[in-house]
Amino acid sequence: MEEERIGFIGIVIDDLTQASRVNQVISQYQRMVTGRIGVPDHDRNRAVIGLLVQGEDGNVGAFTAKLGNIPGVQVKSAMTKSERKEKLP
């Protein structure tokens, strides 16, 4: 079983017609989302969403992949590093 980590997912929506698809994916992974902020730019038909997440790498990877596969959407993520298990002498 993978270790749960916390992190941030940044989403740039370059085409607001895709916003409902982005929100559908976020809803699918809502259990991982611990915080959300959104900043729309209606004049330029785009928006930025920031998500605080907690989950296993595989689940976060699946989440970001689904978001990144939506046309007109860019995604970047940053996660805490895994804790190293130090070997005792």
N, C-alpha and C. Protein backbone atom coordinates (compact mmCIF):
# COMPACT_ATOMS: atom_id res chain seq x y z
N MET A 1 0.83 -1.18 0.00
CA MET A 1 0.00 0.00 0.00
C MET A 1 0.88 1.25 0.00
N GLU A 2 0.52 2.22 -0.82
CA GLU A 2 1.29 3.45 -0.91
C GLU A 2 1.02 4.37 0.28
N GLU A 3 1.96 5.23 0.51
CA GLU A 3 1.85 6.21 1.59
C GLU A 3 1.00 7.40 1.14
N GLU A 4 0.15 7.89 2.03
CA GLU A 4 -0.62 9.10 1.72
C GLU A 4 0.27 10.31 1.92
N ARG A 5 0.16 11.24 0.97
CA ARG A 5 0.92 12.48 1.05
C ARG A 5 -0.02 13.65 0.80
N ILE A 6 0.42 14.83 1.17
CA ILE A 6 -0.37 16.03 0.88
C ILE A 6 0.33 16.80 -0.24
N GLY A 7 -0.47 17.60 -0.94
CA GLY A 7 0.11 18.34 -2.04
C GLY A 7 -0.86 19.37 -2.61
N PHE A 8 -0.46 19.89 -3.76
CA PHE A 8 -1.19 20.95 -4.43
C PHE A 8 -1.34 20.58 -5.89
N ILE A 9 -2.52 20.82 -6.44
CA ILE A 9 -2.76 20.66 -7.88
C ILE A 9 -3.20 22.02 -8.42
N GLY A 10 -2.47 22.52 -9.39
CA GLY A 10 -2.83 23.77 -10.06
C GLY A 10 -3.44 23.47 -11.42
N ILE A 11 -4.59 24.05 -11.67
CA ILE A 11 -5.32 23.80 -12.91
C ILE A 11 -5.56 25.13 -13.62
N VAL A 12 -5.15 25.22 -14.88
CA VAL A 12 -5.43 26.39 -15.70
C VAL A 12 -6.41 25.96 -16.78
N ILE A 13 -7.56 26.61 -16.80
CA ILE A 13 -8.58 26.32 -17.81
C ILE A 13 -8.52 27.46 -18.82
N ASP A 14 -8.01 27.13 -20.01
CA ASP A 14 -7.88 28.14 -21.06
C ASP A 14 -9.16 28.34 -21.86
N ASP A 15 -10.15 27.48 -21.62
CA ASP A 15 -11.43 27.56 -22.32
C ASP A 15 -12.54 27.24 -21.32
N LEU A 16 -13.27 28.26 -20.88
CA LEU A 16 -14.27 28.06 -19.83
C LEU A 16 -15.41 27.12 -20.23
N THR A 17 -15.54 26.79 -21.51
CA THR A 17 -16.55 25.80 -21.88
C THR A 17 -16.18 24.42 -21.32
N GLN A 18 -14.93 24.24 -20.90
CA GLN A 18 -14.47 22.98 -20.32
C GLN A 18 -14.62 22.94 -18.80
N ALA A 19 -15.08 24.03 -18.19
CA ALA A 19 -15.18 24.11 -16.73
C ALA A 19 -16.07 23.02 -16.14
N SER A 20 -17.16 22.69 -16.79
CA SER A 20 -18.04 21.66 -16.24
C SER A 20 -17.36 20.29 -16.25
N ARG A 21 -16.56 20.00 -17.28
CA ARG A 21 -15.82 18.74 -17.31
C ARG A 21 -14.78 18.70 -16.20
N VAL A 22 -14.11 19.81 -15.97
CA VAL A 22 -13.13 19.88 -14.88
C VAL A 22 -13.82 19.63 -13.55
N ASN A 23 -14.96 20.28 -13.33
CA ASN A 23 -15.69 20.10 -12.08
C ASN A 23 -16.21 18.67 -11.91
N GLN A 24 -16.56 18.00 -12.99
CA GLN A 24 -16.98 16.60 -12.90
C GLN A 24 -15.84 15.72 -12.40
N VAL A 25 -14.64 15.95 -12.93
CA VAL A 25 -13.49 15.16 -12.50
C VAL A 25 -13.16 15.46 -11.03
N ILE A 26 -13.20 16.74 -10.66
CA ILE A 26 -12.94 17.09 -9.26
C ILE A 26 -13.95 16.41 -8.35
N SER A 27 -15.20 16.34 -8.77
CA SER A 27 -16.23 15.66 -7.98
C SER A 27 -15.93 14.18 -7.82
N GLN A 28 -15.39 13.55 -8.87
CA GLN A 28 -15.05 12.13 -8.80
C GLN A 28 -13.98 11.86 -7.73
N TYR A 29 -13.10 12.83 -7.51
CA TYR A 29 -11.99 12.67 -6.58
C TYR A 29 -12.16 13.55 -5.33
N GLN A 30 -13.39 13.92 -5.02
CA GLN A 30 -13.65 14.87 -3.94
C GLN A 30 -13.12 14.42 -2.58
N ARG A 31 -13.02 13.13 -2.34
CA ARG A 31 -12.52 12.64 -1.05
C ARG A 31 -11.06 13.03 -0.83
N MET A 32 -10.32 13.27 -1.90
CA MET A 32 -8.91 13.66 -1.77
C MET A 32 -8.74 15.17 -1.59
N VAL A 33 -9.74 15.94 -1.96
CA VAL A 33 -9.63 17.40 -1.95
C VAL A 33 -9.92 17.93 -0.54
N THR A 34 -8.93 18.63 0.03
CA THR A 34 -9.10 19.21 1.36
C THR A 34 -9.27 20.72 1.32
N GLY A 35 -9.02 21.32 0.16
CA GLY A 35 -9.21 22.76 0.00
C GLY A 35 -9.24 23.12 -1.46
N ARG A 36 -9.93 24.22 -1.77
CA ARG A 36 -10.07 24.64 -3.17
C ARG A 36 -10.20 26.15 -3.23
N ILE A 37 -9.55 26.74 -4.25
CA ILE A 37 -9.72 28.15 -4.54
C ILE A 37 -9.82 28.28 -6.06
N GLY A 38 -10.70 29.14 -6.51
CA GLY A 38 -10.87 29.35 -7.94
C GLY A 38 -10.89 30.83 -8.26
N VAL A 39 -10.21 31.19 -9.35
CA VAL A 39 -10.16 32.58 -9.79
C VAL A 39 -10.54 32.63 -11.26
N PRO A 40 -11.76 33.10 -11.57
CA PRO A 40 -12.18 33.19 -12.96
C PRO A 40 -11.66 34.48 -13.62
N ASP A 41 -11.45 34.41 -14.92
CA ASP A 41 -11.10 35.58 -15.72
C ASP A 41 -12.06 35.58 -16.91
N HIS A 42 -13.28 36.05 -16.66
CA HIS A 42 -14.33 35.99 -17.67
C HIS A 42 -14.00 36.83 -18.90
N ASP A 43 -13.24 37.91 -18.74
CA ASP A 43 -12.89 38.74 -19.88
C ASP A 43 -12.04 37.99 -20.90
N ARG A 44 -11.25 37.05 -20.44
CA ARG A 44 -10.37 36.28 -21.33
C ARG A 44 -10.82 34.82 -21.48
N ASN A 45 -11.99 34.48 -20.92
CA ASN A 45 -12.55 33.14 -21.04
C ASN A 45 -11.61 32.06 -20.49
N ARG A 46 -11.07 32.30 -19.29
CA ARG A 46 -10.18 31.33 -18.65
C ARG A 46 -10.31 31.41 -17.14
N ALA A 47 -9.70 30.48 -16.45
CA ALA A 47 -9.77 30.45 -14.99
C ALA A 47 -8.60 29.65 -14.44
N VAL A 48 -8.32 29.85 -13.16
CA VAL A 48 -7.30 29.09 -12.46
C VAL A 48 -7.95 28.50 -11.21
N ILE A 49 -7.69 27.22 -10.97
CA ILE A 49 -8.19 26.54 -9.78
C ILE A 49 -7.00 25.94 -9.05
N GLY A 50 -6.95 26.14 -7.75
CA GLY A 50 -5.93 25.52 -6.92
C GLY A 50 -6.59 24.55 -5.96
N LEU A 51 -6.06 23.32 -5.91
CA LEU A 51 -6.61 22.30 -5.02
C LEU A 51 -5.55 21.84 -4.03
N LEU A 52 -5.90 21.75 -2.76
CA LEU A 52 -5.08 21.08 -1.78
C LEU A 52 -5.60 19.66 -1.71
N VAL A 53 -4.70 18.68 -1.81
CA VAL A 53 -5.12 17.29 -1.85
C VAL A 53 -4.33 16.44 -0.86
N GLN A 54 -4.93 15.31 -0.50
CA GLN A 54 -4.26 14.31 0.32
C GLN A 54 -4.62 12.95 -0.25
N GLY A 55 -3.59 12.17 -0.60
CA GLY A 55 -3.87 10.86 -1.16
C GLY A 55 -2.60 10.13 -1.54
N GLU A 56 -2.78 8.93 -2.06
CA GLU A 56 -1.67 8.11 -2.51
C GLU A 56 -1.25 8.57 -3.91
N ASP A 57 0.04 8.38 -4.23
CA ASP A 57 0.58 8.83 -5.52
C ASP A 57 -0.24 8.34 -6.70
N GLY A 58 -0.62 7.07 -6.70
CA GLY A 58 -1.36 6.52 -7.83
C GLY A 58 -2.69 7.21 -8.04
N ASN A 59 -3.37 7.50 -6.94
CA ASN A 59 -4.67 8.18 -7.04
C ASN A 59 -4.51 9.63 -7.49
N VAL A 60 -3.51 10.32 -6.95
CA VAL A 60 -3.26 11.70 -7.37
C VAL A 60 -2.86 11.73 -8.84
N GLY A 61 -2.06 10.76 -9.26
CA GLY A 61 -1.64 10.67 -10.66
C GLY A 61 -2.83 10.45 -11.59
N ALA A 62 -3.75 9.57 -11.18
CA ALA A 62 -4.94 9.33 -11.99
C ALA A 62 -5.80 10.59 -12.08
N PHE A 63 -5.92 11.29 -10.97
CA PHE A 63 -6.68 12.54 -10.89
C PHE A 63 -6.10 13.58 -11.86
N THR A 64 -4.80 13.83 -11.76
CA THR A 64 -4.18 14.84 -12.61
C THR A 64 -4.20 14.42 -14.08
N ALA A 65 -4.09 13.12 -14.35
CA ALA A 65 -4.13 12.65 -15.74
C ALA A 65 -5.50 12.90 -16.35
N LYS A 66 -6.56 12.62 -15.60
CA LYS A 66 -7.91 12.87 -16.13
C LYS A 66 -8.12 14.35 -16.40
N LEU A 67 -7.63 15.19 -15.49
CA LEU A 67 -7.76 16.63 -15.71
C LEU A 67 -6.94 17.08 -16.93
N GLY A 68 -5.72 16.59 -17.03
CA GLY A 68 -4.83 16.99 -18.12
C GLY A 68 -5.28 16.50 -19.48
N ASN A 69 -6.13 15.49 -19.53
CA ASN A 69 -6.64 14.99 -20.80
C ASN A 69 -7.84 15.77 -21.33
N ILE A 70 -8.29 16.75 -20.57
CA ILE A 70 -9.39 17.60 -21.03
C ILE A 70 -8.79 18.68 -21.93
N PRO A 71 -9.29 18.82 -23.16
CA PRO A 71 -8.75 19.85 -24.06
C PRO A 71 -8.87 21.24 -23.44
N GLY A 72 -7.82 22.05 -23.59
CA GLY A 72 -7.85 23.42 -23.07
C GLY A 72 -7.56 23.53 -21.59
N VAL A 73 -7.07 22.43 -20.98
CA VAL A 73 -6.78 22.42 -19.54
C VAL A 73 -5.32 22.03 -19.33
N GLN A 74 -4.63 22.80 -18.49
CA GLN A 74 -3.25 22.51 -18.12
C GLN A 74 -3.20 22.20 -16.63
N VAL A 75 -2.39 21.22 -16.24
CA VAL A 75 -2.34 20.79 -14.85
C VAL A 75 -0.90 20.60 -14.40
N LYS A 76 -0.61 21.05 -13.20
CA LYS A 76 0.69 20.83 -12.56
C LYS A 76 0.42 20.44 -11.12
N SER A 77 1.27 19.58 -10.57
CA SER A 77 1.08 19.18 -9.17
C SER A 77 2.42 19.15 -8.45
N ALA A 78 2.33 19.29 -7.15
CA ALA A 78 3.50 19.18 -6.27
C ALA A 78 3.04 18.44 -5.02
N MET A 79 3.80 17.42 -4.64
CA MET A 79 3.44 16.61 -3.48
C MET A 79 4.60 16.59 -2.49
N THR A 80 4.26 16.37 -1.22
CA THR A 80 5.31 16.21 -0.22
C THR A 80 6.12 14.96 -0.57
N LYS A 81 7.35 14.94 -0.13
CA LYS A 81 8.21 13.79 -0.38
C LYS A 81 7.79 12.63 0.51
N SER A 82 8.08 11.43 0.04
CA SER A 82 7.82 10.24 0.85
C SER A 82 8.75 10.25 2.05
N GLU A 83 8.25 9.75 3.15
CA GLU A 83 9.10 9.62 4.33
C GLU A 83 9.99 8.42 4.12
N ARG A 84 11.26 8.60 4.40
CA ARG A 84 12.20 7.50 4.29
C ARG A 84 12.20 6.72 5.58
N LYS A 85 12.17 5.45 5.44
CA LYS A 85 12.26 4.58 6.59
C LYS A 85 13.74 4.29 6.82
N GLU A 86 14.28 4.86 7.88
CA GLU A 86 15.71 4.64 8.17
C GLU A 86 15.93 3.27 8.77
N LYS A 87 16.97 2.65 8.29
CA LYS A 87 17.31 1.33 8.82
C LYS A 87 18.05 1.51 10.14
N LEU A 88 17.68 0.73 11.10
CA LEU A 88 18.37 0.76 12.39
C LEU A 88 19.63 -0.08 12.30
N PRO A 89 20.72 0.35 12.96
CA PRO A 89 21.97 -0.42 12.89
C PRO A 89 21.84 -1.77 13.56
